[in-house]
């Protein structure tokens, strides 16, 4: 028997947090004792989810080094000892996402003799992720079970010798859509009332935003929008829009879950022309809302998408947008997702009982 499930998601915001919230809600509905350990300034979550706000992020400092140092110090001095006190040997510890201190989280759970499950969410490391390589190695090698969200990731890990892997649905918590917010987004991003292609979420260079702009520029009856926090390429995107005259609007800021859900609901097609990806929480939100999606042939994106571009050329992405809109989409059913997670936890516990080496 599982005494308690500890979901640990240290960020408290964005797609990994909303995924963790949905997993926690589903497992709670099955009657399990579930706690989600997260940031003290986390986004909203539905009432049934028990939140332990045991992580403090010093987000206000303009210095990244200061933020990281103060956050890490607090994590080591307060969060890890707290987790050591509350985790027990009959518990499952499910670590969501990659964090610089993932190895230390695993070590605490191991010291308490708990079953350790990891969901790194990406099976690659971005160049700007401090400690990302160390965190990913620990997530893949030190867990009783590694959970991924696409068959592409499962095949990739098998080729790297990581075979103790299960695939689970990439569910995302979405609050009820507010019609007034949807209308506000459409009025702001698509004032002419045409068709709207959307590239939402954190703006990174590996999401190929310039490819998105060039594709929309070839669709005369469409408008495009790039909306989310700018992590680098925003100026280049704006310069490209100015040079080409593409009908694309940009809004660079963080959106809470209610705003983001309404934004996705306002789109006619959500586009993910990414250069590198495992899977995408944005696509999972669109699937839940029944919004069509067009993606590049990258990683596991095609497993959730409505239409997949034949390659990463401008013309191929343009055609995929048109195809996705023509095909349409129905809201995805994720009612049995929690049982998939519970099955994987049982598999992880059984693996420990049988003495199977971690990561294999």
Protein backbone atom coordinates (compact mmCIF):
# COMPACT_ATOMS: atom_id res chain seq x y z
CA UNK A 1 0.00 0.00 0.00
CA UNK A 2 1.10 3.55 -0.75
CA UNK A 3 0.88 5.71 2.37
CA UNK A 4 1.28 9.04 0.62
CA UNK A 5 2.28 10.43 -2.78
CA UNK A 6 4.61 13.41 -2.69
CA UNK A 7 4.61 15.33 -5.96
CA UNK A 8 7.56 17.73 -5.97
CA UNK A 9 7.39 20.58 -8.50
CA UNK A 10 9.69 23.34 -7.36
CA UNK A 11 8.80 26.14 -9.80
CA UNK A 12 5.17 26.84 -8.93
CA UNK A 13 4.35 28.34 -12.32
CA UNK A 14 3.81 27.37 -15.94
CA UNK A 15 3.24 24.10 -17.72
CA UNK A 16 5.06 21.69 -15.40
CA UNK A 17 3.22 23.11 -12.40
CA UNK A 18 -0.18 22.89 -14.11
CA UNK A 19 0.59 19.32 -15.14
CA UNK A 20 1.51 18.44 -11.55
CA UNK A 21 -1.71 20.04 -10.32
CA UNK A 22 -3.78 17.92 -12.71
CA UNK A 23 -1.98 14.73 -11.70
CA UNK A 24 -2.48 15.56 -8.02
CA UNK A 25 -6.18 16.30 -8.57
CA UNK A 26 -6.74 13.02 -10.43
CA UNK A 27 -4.96 10.91 -7.82
CA UNK A 28 -6.82 12.68 -5.02
CA UNK A 29 -10.12 11.83 -6.71
CA UNK A 30 -9.05 8.15 -6.61
CA UNK A 31 -8.89 8.45 -2.81
CA UNK A 32 -5.13 8.66 -2.43
CA UNK A 33 -3.27 10.91 0.01
CA UNK A 34 -1.42 13.34 -2.26
CA UNK A 35 0.65 16.43 -1.43
CA UNK A 36 2.10 18.77 -4.04
CA UNK A 37 5.27 20.45 -2.75
CA UNK A 38 5.82 23.69 -4.64
CA UNK A 39 6.66 27.39 -4.47
CA UNK A 40 5.17 29.69 -1.86
CA UNK A 41 4.09 32.09 -4.65
CA UNK A 42 2.67 29.40 -6.93
CA UNK A 43 -0.16 29.88 -9.40
CA UNK A 44 -3.71 28.96 -8.45
CA UNK A 45 -4.83 25.34 -8.16
CA UNK A 46 -8.22 23.66 -7.68
CA UNK A 47 -9.43 23.22 -4.10
CA UNK A 48 -9.01 19.41 -3.80
CA UNK A 49 -5.24 19.68 -4.35
CA UNK A 50 -3.22 19.82 -1.13
CA UNK A 51 -0.36 22.30 -1.61
CA UNK A 52 2.72 22.43 0.56
CA UNK A 53 4.33 25.79 -0.23
CA UNK A 54 7.79 24.83 0.99
CA UNK A 55 9.94 26.39 -1.77
CA UNK A 56 10.92 30.05 -1.82
CA UNK A 57 12.10 31.71 -5.03
CA UNK A 58 13.80 35.06 -4.70
CA UNK A 59 12.35 36.29 -7.99
CA UNK A 60 12.59 40.03 -7.29
CA UNK A 61 16.36 40.49 -7.56
CA UNK A 62 17.52 41.80 -10.97
CA UNK A 63 20.65 39.64 -10.70
CA UNK A 64 20.23 36.06 -11.90
CA UNK A 65 23.23 34.94 -9.83
CA UNK A 66 21.77 36.45 -6.67
CA UNK A 67 18.38 34.87 -7.33
CA UNK A 68 19.93 31.44 -7.88
CA UNK A 69 22.22 31.66 -4.86
CA UNK A 70 19.50 32.76 -2.44
CA UNK A 71 16.96 30.27 -3.80
CA UNK A 72 19.43 27.38 -3.60
CA UNK A 73 20.55 28.29 -0.08
CA UNK A 74 16.96 28.38 1.16
CA UNK A 75 16.22 25.10 -0.60
CA UNK A 76 19.17 23.34 1.04
CA UNK A 77 18.62 24.82 4.50
CA UNK A 78 14.82 24.59 4.71
CA UNK A 79 13.11 22.69 1.88
CA UNK A 80 15.27 19.56 1.87
CA UNK A 81 15.15 19.11 5.68
CA UNK A 82 11.38 19.60 5.56
CA UNK A 83 11.04 16.90 2.89
CA UNK A 84 13.27 14.59 4.91
CA UNK A 85 10.86 14.93 7.84
CA UNK A 86 7.61 14.33 5.92
CA UNK A 87 8.65 11.54 3.49
CA UNK A 88 8.28 7.97 4.73
CA UNK A 89 9.35 4.51 3.52
CA UNK A 90 5.85 3.64 2.28
CA UNK A 91 5.62 6.78 0.19
CA UNK A 92 6.05 7.51 -3.50
CA UNK A 93 8.10 10.61 -4.34
CA UNK A 94 7.38 11.86 -7.86
CA UNK A 95 9.80 14.61 -8.93
CA UNK A 96 8.42 16.78 -11.74
CA UNK A 97 10.64 18.69 -14.15
CA UNK A 98 14.36 19.31 -13.87
CA UNK A 99 15.80 21.49 -11.14
CA UNK A 100 19.45 22.11 -10.31
CA UNK A 101 18.95 20.31 -6.99
CA UNK A 102 17.18 17.25 -8.45
CA UNK A 103 20.05 14.96 -7.31
CA UNK A 104 19.63 16.23 -3.75
CA UNK A 105 15.87 15.64 -3.91
CA UNK A 106 16.50 12.07 -5.04
CA UNK A 107 19.06 11.60 -2.26
CA UNK A 108 16.56 12.71 0.41
CA UNK A 109 13.90 10.33 -0.91
CA UNK A 110 16.44 7.50 -1.07
CA UNK A 111 17.57 8.18 2.50
CA UNK A 112 13.96 7.86 3.60
CA UNK A 113 13.65 4.60 1.62
CA UNK A 114 10.78 5.93 -0.49
CA UNK A 115 9.96 4.88 -4.05
CA UNK A 116 11.35 7.48 -6.46
CA UNK A 117 9.67 8.37 -9.76
CA UNK A 118 10.94 11.15 -12.02
CA UNK A 119 9.38 13.07 -14.89
CA UNK A 120 12.11 15.27 -16.39
CA UNK A 121 9.63 16.50 -19.07
CA UNK A 122 12.53 17.04 -21.49
CA UNK A 123 15.03 14.33 -22.37
CA UNK A 124 17.56 16.97 -23.45
CA UNK A 125 19.26 19.88 -21.70
CA UNK A 126 19.00 23.48 -22.85
CA UNK A 127 22.25 25.44 -22.90
CA UNK A 128 20.90 28.10 -20.53
CA UNK A 129 19.80 25.64 -17.82
CA UNK A 130 22.23 25.80 -14.86
CA UNK A 131 22.94 22.30 -13.58
CA UNK A 132 20.69 20.81 -16.25
CA UNK A 133 23.04 18.00 -17.26
CA UNK A 134 23.54 16.88 -13.67
CA UNK A 135 19.80 17.07 -13.01
CA UNK A 136 18.90 15.05 -16.11
CA UNK A 137 21.49 12.34 -15.35
CA UNK A 138 20.08 11.93 -11.85
CA UNK A 139 16.48 11.89 -13.09
CA UNK A 140 17.28 9.14 -15.60
CA UNK A 141 19.76 7.04 -13.61
CA UNK A 142 18.69 7.27 -9.97
CA UNK A 143 14.92 6.74 -10.18
CA UNK A 144 12.93 3.56 -9.73
CA UNK A 145 10.81 4.64 -12.69
CA UNK A 146 11.13 7.38 -15.31
CA UNK A 147 7.91 8.70 -16.83
CA UNK A 148 7.76 10.32 -20.27
CA UNK A 149 4.92 11.71 -22.37
CA UNK A 150 5.65 10.43 -25.87
CA UNK A 151 6.70 7.25 -27.61
CA UNK A 152 9.48 9.28 -29.24
CA UNK A 153 11.00 9.97 -25.82
CA UNK A 154 10.63 6.35 -24.77
CA UNK A 155 12.50 5.22 -27.89
CA UNK A 156 15.16 7.89 -27.38
CA UNK A 157 15.81 6.79 -23.81
CA UNK A 158 15.88 3.11 -24.77
CA UNK A 159 18.60 3.91 -27.31
CA UNK A 160 20.55 5.54 -24.48
CA UNK A 161 20.22 2.46 -22.27
CA UNK A 162 17.43 3.77 -20.02
CA UNK A 163 14.79 1.06 -20.13
CA UNK A 164 12.90 1.50 -16.86
CA UNK A 165 10.57 3.96 -18.57
CA UNK A 166 6.81 4.29 -18.69
CA UNK A 167 4.68 6.51 -20.89
CA UNK A 168 1.82 8.46 -19.32
CA UNK A 169 -0.62 11.09 -20.65
CA UNK A 170 0.57 14.70 -20.59
CA UNK A 171 -2.43 16.16 -18.77
CA UNK A 172 -2.69 19.86 -17.92
CA UNK A 173 -4.98 21.56 -15.45
CA UNK A 174 -7.09 24.22 -17.15
CA UNK A 175 -9.56 26.32 -15.17
CA UNK A 176 -12.95 27.03 -16.74
CA UNK A 177 -12.52 29.31 -19.73
CA UNK A 178 -13.78 32.84 -19.15
CA UNK A 179 -15.63 33.99 -22.31
CA UNK A 180 -14.87 37.66 -21.60
CA UNK A 181 -11.13 36.90 -21.50
CA UNK A 182 -11.36 34.98 -24.76
CA UNK A 183 -13.12 37.88 -26.45
CA UNK A 184 -10.54 40.32 -25.08
CA UNK A 185 -7.71 38.25 -26.55
CA UNK A 186 -9.40 37.99 -29.93
CA UNK A 187 -10.06 41.72 -30.02
CA UNK A 188 -6.46 42.47 -29.08
CA UNK A 189 -4.76 39.97 -31.36
CA UNK A 190 -7.21 39.67 -34.23
CA UNK A 191 -9.20 42.91 -34.53
CA UNK A 192 -10.16 42.23 -38.16
CA UNK A 193 -11.99 39.03 -37.21
CA UNK A 194 -10.02 36.69 -39.48
CA UNK A 195 -8.36 33.40 -38.60
CA UNK A 196 -5.78 33.49 -35.79
CA UNK A 197 -2.61 31.37 -35.63
CA UNK A 198 -0.97 31.43 -32.20
CA UNK A 199 2.52 30.69 -30.90
CA UNK A 200 1.98 30.81 -27.10
CA UNK A 201 4.17 30.24 -24.04
CA UNK A 202 7.74 31.12 -23.14
CA UNK A 203 9.50 32.56 -26.18
CA UNK A 204 12.80 30.76 -26.81
CA UNK A 205 14.98 30.60 -29.91
CA UNK A 206 14.50 26.81 -30.16
CA UNK A 207 10.76 27.35 -30.64
CA UNK A 208 11.54 28.81 -34.10
CA UNK A 209 9.41 31.96 -33.72
CA UNK A 210 10.89 33.46 -36.90
CA UNK A 211 9.74 30.41 -38.85
CA UNK A 212 6.25 31.00 -37.44
CA UNK A 213 6.30 34.66 -38.57
CA UNK A 214 7.42 33.73 -42.09
CA UNK A 215 4.72 31.05 -42.37
CA UNK A 216 1.95 33.41 -41.27
CA UNK A 217 3.24 36.02 -43.75
CA UNK A 218 2.29 33.56 -46.51
CA UNK A 219 -1.30 33.27 -45.27
CA UNK A 220 -3.15 36.39 -46.48
CA UNK A 221 -6.42 35.54 -44.68
CA UNK A 222 -4.74 34.93 -41.34
CA UNK A 223 -3.26 36.89 -38.49
CA UNK A 224 -0.59 35.59 -36.15
CA UNK A 225 0.27 36.20 -32.50
CA UNK A 226 3.33 35.42 -30.40
CA UNK A 227 2.41 35.67 -26.72
CA UNK A 228 4.49 34.79 -23.66
CA UNK A 229 7.51 35.75 -21.61
CA UNK A 230 10.46 36.66 -23.81
CA UNK A 231 13.52 34.53 -23.00
CA UNK A 232 15.74 36.01 -25.67
CA UNK A 233 14.58 36.28 -29.28
CA UNK A 234 11.82 38.89 -28.91
CA UNK A 235 13.73 41.74 -30.51
CA UNK A 236 14.71 39.66 -33.55
CA UNK A 237 11.09 38.56 -33.95
CA UNK A 238 9.83 42.15 -33.84
CA UNK A 239 12.49 43.24 -36.35
CA UNK A 240 11.45 40.44 -38.72
CA UNK A 241 7.79 41.46 -38.46
CA UNK A 242 8.74 45.05 -39.26
CA UNK A 243 10.85 44.01 -42.26
CA UNK A 244 8.32 41.62 -43.76
CA UNK A 245 5.11 43.40 -42.85
CA UNK A 246 3.73 40.11 -41.51
CA UNK A 247 0.34 40.44 -39.79
CA UNK A 248 1.71 39.20 -36.47
CA UNK A 249 1.18 40.75 -33.04
CA UNK A 250 3.63 40.18 -30.17
CA UNK A 251 2.94 40.39 -26.44
CA UNK A 252 5.86 39.58 -24.17
CA UNK A 253 4.84 38.89 -20.58
CA UNK A 254 4.08 36.05 -18.19
CA UNK A 255 0.46 34.87 -18.17
CA UNK A 256 -1.26 33.17 -15.26
CA UNK A 257 -3.15 29.97 -15.94
CA UNK A 258 -6.53 31.69 -16.42
CA UNK A 259 -5.17 34.15 -18.96
CA UNK A 260 -3.21 31.44 -20.75
CA UNK A 261 -6.20 29.12 -21.02
CA UNK A 262 -8.32 31.92 -22.48
CA UNK A 263 -5.52 32.82 -24.90
CA UNK A 264 -5.35 29.27 -26.28
CA UNK A 265 -9.14 29.12 -26.52
CA UNK A 266 -9.08 32.31 -28.61
CA UNK A 267 -6.88 30.76 -31.31
CA UNK A 268 -8.06 29.04 -34.48
CA UNK A 269 -4.81 27.05 -34.62
CA UNK A 270 -2.00 26.73 -32.08
CA UNK A 271 1.36 26.34 -33.80
CA UNK A 272 4.51 24.63 -32.47
CA UNK A 273 7.24 24.85 -35.15
CA UNK A 274 9.89 23.82 -32.62
CA UNK A 275 13.47 22.89 -33.44
CA UNK A 276 13.83 20.61 -30.40
CA UNK A 277 11.16 19.12 -28.16
CA UNK A 278 10.10 16.11 -26.15
CA UNK A 279 6.42 16.99 -25.87
CA UNK A 280 4.55 20.24 -25.24
CA UNK A 281 2.23 21.30 -22.45
CA UNK A 282 0.87 23.96 -24.82
CA UNK A 283 -0.34 21.19 -27.14
CA UNK A 284 -1.90 19.37 -24.19
CA UNK A 285 -3.84 22.49 -23.22
CA UNK A 286 -5.01 22.97 -26.81
CA UNK A 287 -6.06 19.31 -27.00
CA UNK A 288 -8.06 19.62 -23.81
CA UNK A 289 -9.84 22.71 -25.17
CA UNK A 290 -10.41 21.25 -28.63
CA UNK A 291 -8.21 23.78 -30.45
CA UNK A 292 -6.45 22.40 -33.59
CA UNK A 293 -2.66 22.29 -33.56
CA UNK A 294 0.03 22.38 -36.25
CA UNK A 295 3.59 21.26 -35.45
CA UNK A 296 7.00 20.66 -36.94
CA UNK A 297 8.15 17.02 -37.27
CA UNK A 298 10.10 17.16 -34.01
CA UNK A 299 10.34 14.79 -31.04
CA UNK A 300 6.94 13.64 -29.83
CA UNK A 301 5.00 16.72 -30.97
CA UNK A 302 3.20 14.84 -33.72
CA UNK A 303 1.67 12.43 -31.20
CA UNK A 304 -0.60 15.17 -29.84
CA UNK A 305 -0.97 17.37 -32.93
CA UNK A 306 -3.79 17.76 -35.44
CA UNK A 307 -1.42 18.27 -38.39
CA UNK A 308 2.34 17.69 -38.77
CA UNK A 309 4.41 19.67 -41.27
CA UNK A 310 6.24 17.51 -43.83
CA UNK A 311 9.50 19.32 -42.94
CA UNK A 312 10.65 22.56 -41.31
CA UNK A 313 10.38 24.81 -44.36
CA UNK A 314 8.19 27.90 -44.29
CA UNK A 315 5.86 26.40 -46.88
CA UNK A 316 5.46 23.16 -44.93
CA UNK A 317 4.55 24.95 -41.70
CA UNK A 318 2.16 27.22 -43.61
CA UNK A 319 0.43 24.19 -45.14
CA UNK A 320 0.21 22.45 -41.74
CA UNK A 321 -1.57 25.49 -40.27
CA UNK A 322 -4.15 25.38 -43.07
CA UNK A 323 -4.54 21.60 -42.75
CA UNK A 324 -5.03 21.76 -38.96
CA UNK A 325 -7.75 24.38 -39.34
CA UNK A 326 -9.53 22.30 -41.99
CA UNK A 327 -9.36 19.13 -39.88
CA UNK A 328 -10.51 20.72 -36.62
CA UNK A 329 -10.23 19.05 -33.22
CA UNK A 330 -12.43 17.72 -30.43
CA UNK A 331 -11.62 18.21 -26.74
CA UNK A 332 -9.39 15.36 -25.53
CA UNK A 333 -10.69 12.97 -22.88
CA UNK A 334 -8.23 12.53 -19.99
CA UNK A 335 -10.60 10.92 -17.49
CA UNK A 336 -8.48 7.76 -16.98
CA UNK A 337 -5.11 9.51 -16.75
CA UNK A 338 -4.77 9.19 -12.97
CA UNK A 339 -5.03 5.41 -13.20
CA UNK A 340 -2.07 5.41 -15.59
CA UNK A 341 0.04 7.21 -13.01
CA UNK A 342 -1.07 4.89 -10.23
CA UNK A 343 -0.13 1.89 -12.38
CA UNK A 344 3.34 3.33 -12.95
CA UNK A 345 3.82 3.94 -9.23
CA UNK A 346 2.91 0.32 -8.56
CA UNK A 347 5.40 -0.79 -11.23
CA UNK A 348 8.11 1.33 -9.61
CA UNK A 349 7.42 -0.19 -6.20
CA UNK A 350 7.42 -3.69 -7.64
CA UNK A 351 10.75 -3.01 -9.31
CA UNK A 352 12.23 -2.10 -5.95
CA UNK A 353 10.83 -5.27 -4.41
CA UNK A 354 12.37 -7.35 -7.18
CA UNK A 355 15.72 -5.63 -6.77
CA UNK A 356 15.85 -4.27 -10.31
CA UNK A 357 18.74 -1.81 -10.83
CA UNK A 358 17.62 1.80 -11.13
CA UNK A 359 17.55 3.20 -14.64
CA UNK A 360 17.34 -0.28 -16.20
